[in-house]
N, C-alpha and C. Protein backbone atom coordinates (compact mmCIF):
# COMPACT_ATOMS: atom_id res chain seq x y z
N MET A 1 93.03 -74.21 52.11
CA MET A 1 92.34 -74.51 50.89
C MET A 1 92.95 -75.71 50.18
N PHE A 2 94.26 -75.85 50.21
CA PHE A 2 94.91 -76.96 49.52
C PHE A 2 95.47 -77.96 50.52
N SER A 3 95.38 -79.23 50.17
CA SER A 3 96.00 -80.26 51.00
C SER A 3 97.39 -80.60 50.50
N HIS A 4 97.57 -80.52 49.16
CA HIS A 4 98.87 -80.85 48.60
C HIS A 4 99.02 -80.30 47.19
N VAL A 5 100.27 -80.13 46.79
CA VAL A 5 100.63 -79.72 45.43
C VAL A 5 101.79 -80.60 45.01
N PHE A 6 101.72 -81.14 43.80
CA PHE A 6 102.82 -81.93 43.24
C PHE A 6 103.27 -81.28 41.95
N LEU A 7 104.58 -81.28 41.73
CA LEU A 7 105.15 -80.86 40.46
C LEU A 7 105.86 -82.03 39.82
N GLY A 8 105.72 -82.15 38.52
CA GLY A 8 106.45 -83.16 37.79
C GLY A 8 107.88 -82.72 37.54
N THR A 9 108.79 -83.68 37.53
CA THR A 9 110.19 -83.40 37.26
C THR A 9 110.77 -84.51 36.40
N ASN A 10 111.77 -84.16 35.62
CA ASN A 10 112.49 -85.15 34.82
C ASN A 10 113.76 -85.62 35.51
N ASP A 11 114.10 -85.00 36.64
CA ASP A 11 115.31 -85.36 37.39
C ASP A 11 115.03 -85.12 38.87
N ILE A 12 114.56 -86.14 39.57
CA ILE A 12 114.11 -86.00 40.96
C ILE A 12 115.24 -85.52 41.87
N GLU A 13 116.46 -86.01 41.68
CA GLU A 13 117.57 -85.60 42.55
C GLU A 13 117.91 -84.13 42.36
N ARG A 14 117.96 -83.67 41.11
CA ARG A 14 118.24 -82.25 40.83
C ARG A 14 117.16 -81.37 41.44
N SER A 15 115.90 -81.76 41.27
CA SER A 15 114.80 -80.98 41.82
C SER A 15 114.82 -80.98 43.34
N LYS A 16 115.11 -82.13 43.95
CA LYS A 16 115.19 -82.20 45.41
C LYS A 16 116.26 -81.26 45.93
N GLN A 17 117.42 -81.23 45.30
CA GLN A 17 118.49 -80.33 45.74
C GLN A 17 118.04 -78.87 45.64
N PHE A 18 117.40 -78.51 44.53
CA PHE A 18 116.89 -77.14 44.34
C PHE A 18 115.89 -76.78 45.43
N TYR A 19 114.88 -77.63 45.63
CA TYR A 19 113.84 -77.31 46.62
C TYR A 19 114.35 -77.43 48.05
N ASP A 20 115.24 -78.35 48.35
CA ASP A 20 115.83 -78.40 49.69
C ASP A 20 116.47 -77.05 50.03
N GLU A 21 117.24 -76.51 49.09
CA GLU A 21 117.96 -75.25 49.34
C GLU A 21 117.03 -74.05 49.38
N THR A 22 116.05 -73.98 48.50
CA THR A 22 115.14 -72.83 48.53
C THR A 22 114.21 -72.90 49.73
N PHE A 23 113.70 -74.09 50.05
CA PHE A 23 112.80 -74.22 51.20
C PHE A 23 113.53 -74.00 52.52
N LYS A 24 114.82 -74.32 52.58
CA LYS A 24 115.60 -74.05 53.79
C LYS A 24 115.54 -72.55 54.12
N GLN A 25 115.55 -71.71 53.10
CA GLN A 25 115.49 -70.27 53.31
C GLN A 25 114.14 -69.82 53.88
N LEU A 26 113.13 -70.65 53.70
CA LEU A 26 111.79 -70.35 54.22
C LEU A 26 111.50 -71.07 55.53
N GLY A 27 112.52 -71.76 56.08
CA GLY A 27 112.38 -72.42 57.37
C GLY A 27 111.86 -73.84 57.31
N HIS A 28 111.90 -74.49 56.15
CA HIS A 28 111.40 -75.86 56.01
C HIS A 28 112.54 -76.87 55.97
N LYS A 29 112.22 -78.10 56.38
CA LYS A 29 113.18 -79.19 56.39
C LYS A 29 113.36 -79.77 54.99
N PRO A 30 114.47 -80.49 54.75
CA PRO A 30 114.66 -81.15 53.46
C PRO A 30 113.54 -82.15 53.17
N GLY A 31 113.33 -82.39 51.90
CA GLY A 31 112.32 -83.35 51.48
C GLY A 31 112.71 -84.77 51.83
N MET A 32 111.70 -85.62 51.97
CA MET A 32 111.91 -87.05 52.26
C MET A 32 111.49 -87.84 51.03
N MET A 33 112.28 -88.84 50.69
CA MET A 33 111.92 -89.71 49.57
C MET A 33 110.98 -90.81 50.08
N ASP A 34 109.89 -91.04 49.37
CA ASP A 34 108.97 -92.10 49.77
C ASP A 34 109.28 -93.38 48.98
N PRO A 35 108.65 -94.49 49.33
CA PRO A 35 108.94 -95.76 48.63
C PRO A 35 108.65 -95.73 47.13
N SER A 36 107.83 -94.80 46.67
CA SER A 36 107.52 -94.69 45.25
C SER A 36 108.52 -93.83 44.49
N GLY A 37 109.52 -93.29 45.19
CA GLY A 37 110.52 -92.45 44.54
C GLY A 37 110.12 -91.00 44.41
N ARG A 38 109.10 -90.60 45.14
CA ARG A 38 108.68 -89.19 45.16
C ARG A 38 109.37 -88.47 46.31
N CYS A 39 109.57 -87.19 46.17
CA CYS A 39 110.14 -86.36 47.23
C CYS A 39 109.01 -85.56 47.87
N LEU A 40 108.88 -85.66 49.20
CA LEU A 40 107.77 -85.03 49.91
C LEU A 40 108.29 -84.03 50.95
N TYR A 41 107.64 -82.86 50.96
CA TYR A 41 107.92 -81.82 51.96
C TYR A 41 106.64 -81.65 52.77
N MET A 42 106.68 -82.11 54.02
CA MET A 42 105.52 -82.04 54.90
C MET A 42 105.64 -80.78 55.75
N THR A 43 104.59 -79.94 55.74
CA THR A 43 104.57 -78.73 56.54
C THR A 43 103.23 -78.65 57.27
N PRO A 44 103.13 -77.80 58.28
CA PRO A 44 101.84 -77.65 58.96
C PRO A 44 100.73 -77.15 58.04
N SER A 45 101.11 -76.49 56.93
CA SER A 45 100.09 -75.95 56.04
C SER A 45 99.81 -76.82 54.81
N GLY A 46 100.45 -77.99 54.72
CA GLY A 46 100.17 -78.89 53.60
C GLY A 46 101.42 -79.60 53.12
N LEU A 47 101.25 -80.35 52.05
CA LEU A 47 102.32 -81.16 51.49
C LEU A 47 102.68 -80.64 50.10
N PHE A 48 103.99 -80.55 49.84
CA PHE A 48 104.49 -80.23 48.50
C PHE A 48 105.30 -81.43 48.05
N GLY A 49 105.05 -81.90 46.83
CA GLY A 49 105.73 -83.08 46.35
C GLY A 49 106.34 -82.91 44.98
N LEU A 50 107.38 -83.69 44.73
CA LEU A 50 108.04 -83.77 43.43
C LEU A 50 107.94 -85.21 42.96
N THR A 51 107.62 -85.39 41.70
CA THR A 51 107.47 -86.74 41.18
C THR A 51 107.78 -86.78 39.69
N THR A 52 108.26 -87.91 39.23
CA THR A 52 108.29 -88.13 37.80
C THR A 52 106.87 -88.50 37.40
N PRO A 53 106.41 -88.10 36.23
CA PRO A 53 105.02 -88.39 35.85
C PRO A 53 104.73 -89.90 35.84
N ILE A 54 103.60 -90.27 36.42
CA ILE A 54 103.26 -91.69 36.52
C ILE A 54 102.85 -92.29 35.18
N ASN A 55 102.55 -91.43 34.19
CA ASN A 55 102.18 -91.95 32.88
C ASN A 55 103.40 -92.24 32.00
N GLY A 56 104.61 -91.99 32.52
CA GLY A 56 105.82 -92.29 31.78
C GLY A 56 106.23 -91.24 30.76
N GLU A 57 105.39 -90.24 30.56
CA GLU A 57 105.73 -89.15 29.64
C GLU A 57 106.66 -88.16 30.34
N PRO A 58 107.39 -87.34 29.59
CA PRO A 58 108.25 -86.34 30.22
C PRO A 58 107.43 -85.30 30.98
N ALA A 59 107.97 -84.79 32.07
CA ALA A 59 107.33 -83.70 32.80
C ALA A 59 107.39 -82.44 31.94
N SER A 60 106.36 -81.61 32.05
CA SER A 60 106.34 -80.34 31.33
C SER A 60 105.68 -79.29 32.22
N VAL A 61 105.93 -78.01 31.91
CA VAL A 61 105.38 -76.92 32.72
C VAL A 61 103.96 -76.59 32.29
N GLY A 62 103.22 -76.01 33.21
CA GLY A 62 101.86 -75.58 32.91
C GLY A 62 101.85 -74.11 32.51
N ASN A 63 101.35 -73.81 31.34
CA ASN A 63 101.28 -72.43 30.88
C ASN A 63 100.24 -71.68 31.71
N GLY A 64 100.66 -70.58 32.34
CA GLY A 64 99.78 -69.81 33.20
C GLY A 64 99.80 -70.27 34.65
N GLN A 65 100.59 -71.25 34.96
CA GLN A 65 100.67 -71.82 36.31
C GLN A 65 101.78 -71.14 37.11
N THR A 66 101.49 -70.79 38.35
CA THR A 66 102.49 -70.30 39.30
C THR A 66 102.17 -70.89 40.65
N ILE A 67 103.20 -71.35 41.35
CA ILE A 67 103.02 -71.81 42.73
C ILE A 67 103.78 -70.84 43.62
N GLY A 68 103.09 -70.29 44.62
CA GLY A 68 103.69 -69.33 45.53
C GLY A 68 103.89 -69.92 46.91
N PHE A 69 105.02 -69.54 47.52
CA PHE A 69 105.38 -70.00 48.86
C PHE A 69 105.46 -68.78 49.79
N ILE A 70 104.91 -68.92 51.00
CA ILE A 70 104.88 -67.83 51.97
C ILE A 70 106.25 -67.64 52.61
N ALA A 71 106.67 -66.38 52.70
CA ALA A 71 107.88 -66.00 53.42
C ALA A 71 107.46 -65.11 54.59
N THR A 72 108.35 -64.96 55.57
CA THR A 72 108.02 -64.17 56.76
C THR A 72 108.71 -62.82 56.79
N SER A 73 109.50 -62.50 55.76
CA SER A 73 110.17 -61.20 55.71
C SER A 73 110.68 -60.94 54.29
N GLU A 74 111.00 -59.68 54.03
CA GLU A 74 111.61 -59.32 52.74
C GLU A 74 112.95 -60.05 52.59
N GLU A 75 113.72 -60.09 53.66
CA GLU A 75 115.03 -60.75 53.61
C GLU A 75 114.89 -62.23 53.27
N GLN A 76 113.88 -62.87 53.81
CA GLN A 76 113.67 -64.29 53.52
C GLN A 76 113.34 -64.49 52.03
N VAL A 77 112.57 -63.59 51.44
CA VAL A 77 112.29 -63.66 50.00
C VAL A 77 113.59 -63.54 49.21
N LYS A 78 114.43 -62.59 49.58
CA LYS A 78 115.71 -62.39 48.88
C LYS A 78 116.61 -63.62 49.01
N GLN A 79 116.68 -64.20 50.20
CA GLN A 79 117.50 -65.39 50.42
C GLN A 79 116.98 -66.58 49.62
N TRP A 80 115.66 -66.73 49.55
CA TRP A 80 115.03 -67.79 48.76
C TRP A 80 115.44 -67.64 47.30
N HIS A 81 115.35 -66.42 46.80
CA HIS A 81 115.69 -66.13 45.40
C HIS A 81 117.17 -66.43 45.12
N GLN A 82 118.04 -66.00 46.00
CA GLN A 82 119.49 -66.25 45.83
C GLN A 82 119.80 -67.74 45.87
N ALA A 83 119.19 -68.47 46.79
CA ALA A 83 119.41 -69.92 46.87
C ALA A 83 118.92 -70.60 45.60
N GLY A 84 117.80 -70.17 45.08
CA GLY A 84 117.29 -70.75 43.85
C GLY A 84 118.22 -70.52 42.67
N LEU A 85 118.75 -69.31 42.54
CA LEU A 85 119.69 -69.02 41.46
C LEU A 85 120.95 -69.85 41.59
N ALA A 86 121.40 -70.06 42.81
CA ALA A 86 122.63 -70.83 43.05
C ALA A 86 122.45 -72.33 42.80
N HIS A 87 121.20 -72.79 42.70
CA HIS A 87 120.95 -74.23 42.56
C HIS A 87 120.13 -74.56 41.31
N GLY A 88 120.35 -73.82 40.25
CA GLY A 88 119.76 -74.16 38.96
C GLY A 88 118.50 -73.44 38.58
N GLY A 89 118.02 -72.52 39.42
CA GLY A 89 116.84 -71.74 39.06
C GLY A 89 117.21 -70.60 38.12
N VAL A 90 116.20 -70.05 37.46
CA VAL A 90 116.38 -68.95 36.52
C VAL A 90 115.50 -67.80 36.95
N ALA A 91 116.08 -66.61 37.06
CA ALA A 91 115.32 -65.42 37.43
C ALA A 91 114.35 -65.05 36.32
N ILE A 92 113.13 -64.71 36.69
CA ILE A 92 112.14 -64.24 35.73
C ILE A 92 111.41 -63.05 36.32
N GLU A 93 110.71 -62.33 35.47
CA GLU A 93 109.97 -61.13 35.85
C GLU A 93 110.92 -60.10 36.44
N SER A 94 110.43 -59.23 37.30
CA SER A 94 111.25 -58.19 37.90
C SER A 94 112.13 -58.76 39.00
N ALA A 95 113.14 -57.99 39.40
CA ALA A 95 113.98 -58.38 40.53
C ALA A 95 113.11 -58.49 41.78
N PRO A 96 113.57 -59.22 42.81
CA PRO A 96 112.79 -59.29 44.05
C PRO A 96 112.44 -57.88 44.53
N GLY A 97 111.19 -57.68 44.88
CA GLY A 97 110.78 -56.36 45.33
C GLY A 97 109.29 -56.26 45.58
N LEU A 98 108.88 -55.04 45.84
CA LEU A 98 107.49 -54.73 46.20
C LEU A 98 106.59 -54.79 44.97
N ARG A 99 105.47 -55.46 45.12
CA ARG A 99 104.39 -55.47 44.13
C ARG A 99 103.17 -54.91 44.85
N GLN A 100 102.56 -53.90 44.26
CA GLN A 100 101.43 -53.26 44.92
C GLN A 100 100.25 -53.17 43.96
N LYS A 101 99.10 -53.59 44.45
CA LYS A 101 97.83 -53.48 43.73
C LYS A 101 96.83 -52.87 44.69
N GLY A 102 96.56 -51.58 44.53
CA GLY A 102 95.67 -50.89 45.46
C GLY A 102 96.26 -50.91 46.86
N ASP A 103 95.49 -51.41 47.82
CA ASP A 103 95.95 -51.47 49.21
C ASP A 103 96.80 -52.70 49.51
N ILE A 104 96.92 -53.61 48.57
CA ILE A 104 97.67 -54.84 48.79
C ILE A 104 99.13 -54.63 48.45
N GLN A 105 100.01 -54.91 49.42
CA GLN A 105 101.45 -54.79 49.22
C GLN A 105 102.09 -56.15 49.49
N LEU A 106 102.82 -56.65 48.50
CA LEU A 106 103.49 -57.94 48.61
C LEU A 106 104.95 -57.76 48.20
N PHE A 107 105.86 -58.32 48.97
CA PHE A 107 107.26 -58.37 48.57
C PHE A 107 107.46 -59.74 47.95
N MET A 108 107.85 -59.79 46.65
CA MET A 108 107.85 -61.05 45.92
C MET A 108 109.11 -61.24 45.09
N ALA A 109 109.40 -62.50 44.81
CA ALA A 109 110.46 -62.86 43.87
C ALA A 109 109.99 -64.08 43.09
N TYR A 110 110.34 -64.12 41.82
CA TYR A 110 109.93 -65.21 40.93
C TYR A 110 111.14 -65.95 40.37
N LEU A 111 110.99 -67.25 40.18
CA LEU A 111 112.00 -68.10 39.55
C LEU A 111 111.32 -69.13 38.66
N ARG A 112 112.10 -69.69 37.76
CA ARG A 112 111.75 -70.95 37.11
C ARG A 112 112.65 -71.98 37.77
N ASP A 113 112.06 -73.10 38.22
CA ASP A 113 112.86 -74.16 38.82
C ASP A 113 113.63 -74.89 37.72
N PRO A 114 114.48 -75.86 38.05
CA PRO A 114 115.27 -76.54 37.02
C PRO A 114 114.45 -77.24 35.92
N ASP A 115 113.17 -77.53 36.18
CA ASP A 115 112.31 -78.13 35.16
C ASP A 115 111.48 -77.09 34.43
N GLY A 116 111.62 -75.80 34.79
CA GLY A 116 110.89 -74.74 34.10
C GLY A 116 109.60 -74.31 34.76
N ASN A 117 109.24 -74.90 35.92
CA ASN A 117 108.03 -74.50 36.62
C ASN A 117 108.19 -73.10 37.20
N LYS A 118 107.15 -72.29 37.12
CA LYS A 118 107.17 -70.92 37.65
C LYS A 118 106.76 -70.96 39.12
N ILE A 119 107.65 -70.45 39.97
CA ILE A 119 107.40 -70.42 41.41
C ILE A 119 107.73 -69.03 41.94
N CYS A 120 107.21 -68.72 43.11
CA CYS A 120 107.54 -67.43 43.73
C CYS A 120 107.52 -67.55 45.24
N ALA A 121 108.20 -66.62 45.87
CA ALA A 121 108.15 -66.47 47.32
C ALA A 121 107.47 -65.13 47.58
N THR A 122 106.57 -65.11 48.56
CA THR A 122 105.75 -63.92 48.83
C THR A 122 105.74 -63.59 50.31
N TYR A 123 106.03 -62.34 50.61
CA TYR A 123 105.88 -61.82 51.96
C TYR A 123 104.73 -60.79 51.93
N PRO A 124 103.57 -61.13 52.51
CA PRO A 124 102.46 -60.16 52.54
C PRO A 124 102.78 -59.03 53.51
N MET A 125 102.80 -57.81 53.01
CA MET A 125 103.18 -56.65 53.82
C MET A 125 101.98 -55.90 54.37
N SER A 126 100.80 -56.16 53.82
CA SER A 126 99.62 -55.43 54.30
C SER A 126 98.48 -56.36 54.61
């Protein structure tokens, strides 16, 4: 459904370090810097990018916005969460664990990245 997602950041190097470490836990390679100074993570399922806003204004978070990343196990979700905390992320919502809505079971963890964006790792269990 999506070809790419970009998040704004006020410190590209800090954000790259955070996402390099959290994405490593999900089996992804470190981001690459492009000639425009953006950090790009190319995956078979799409592109995730970090950029300073092109309008010159400070980056800010979107109220009600969450970006979720697929994990392949409960342990991978936990490792993602731990790596995020160790690299400037902030724990939010409940501890990593099972979220169930009817027949849908998801093992999830939520963080705020160093710029305050809400992100999560999700392992679909059903």
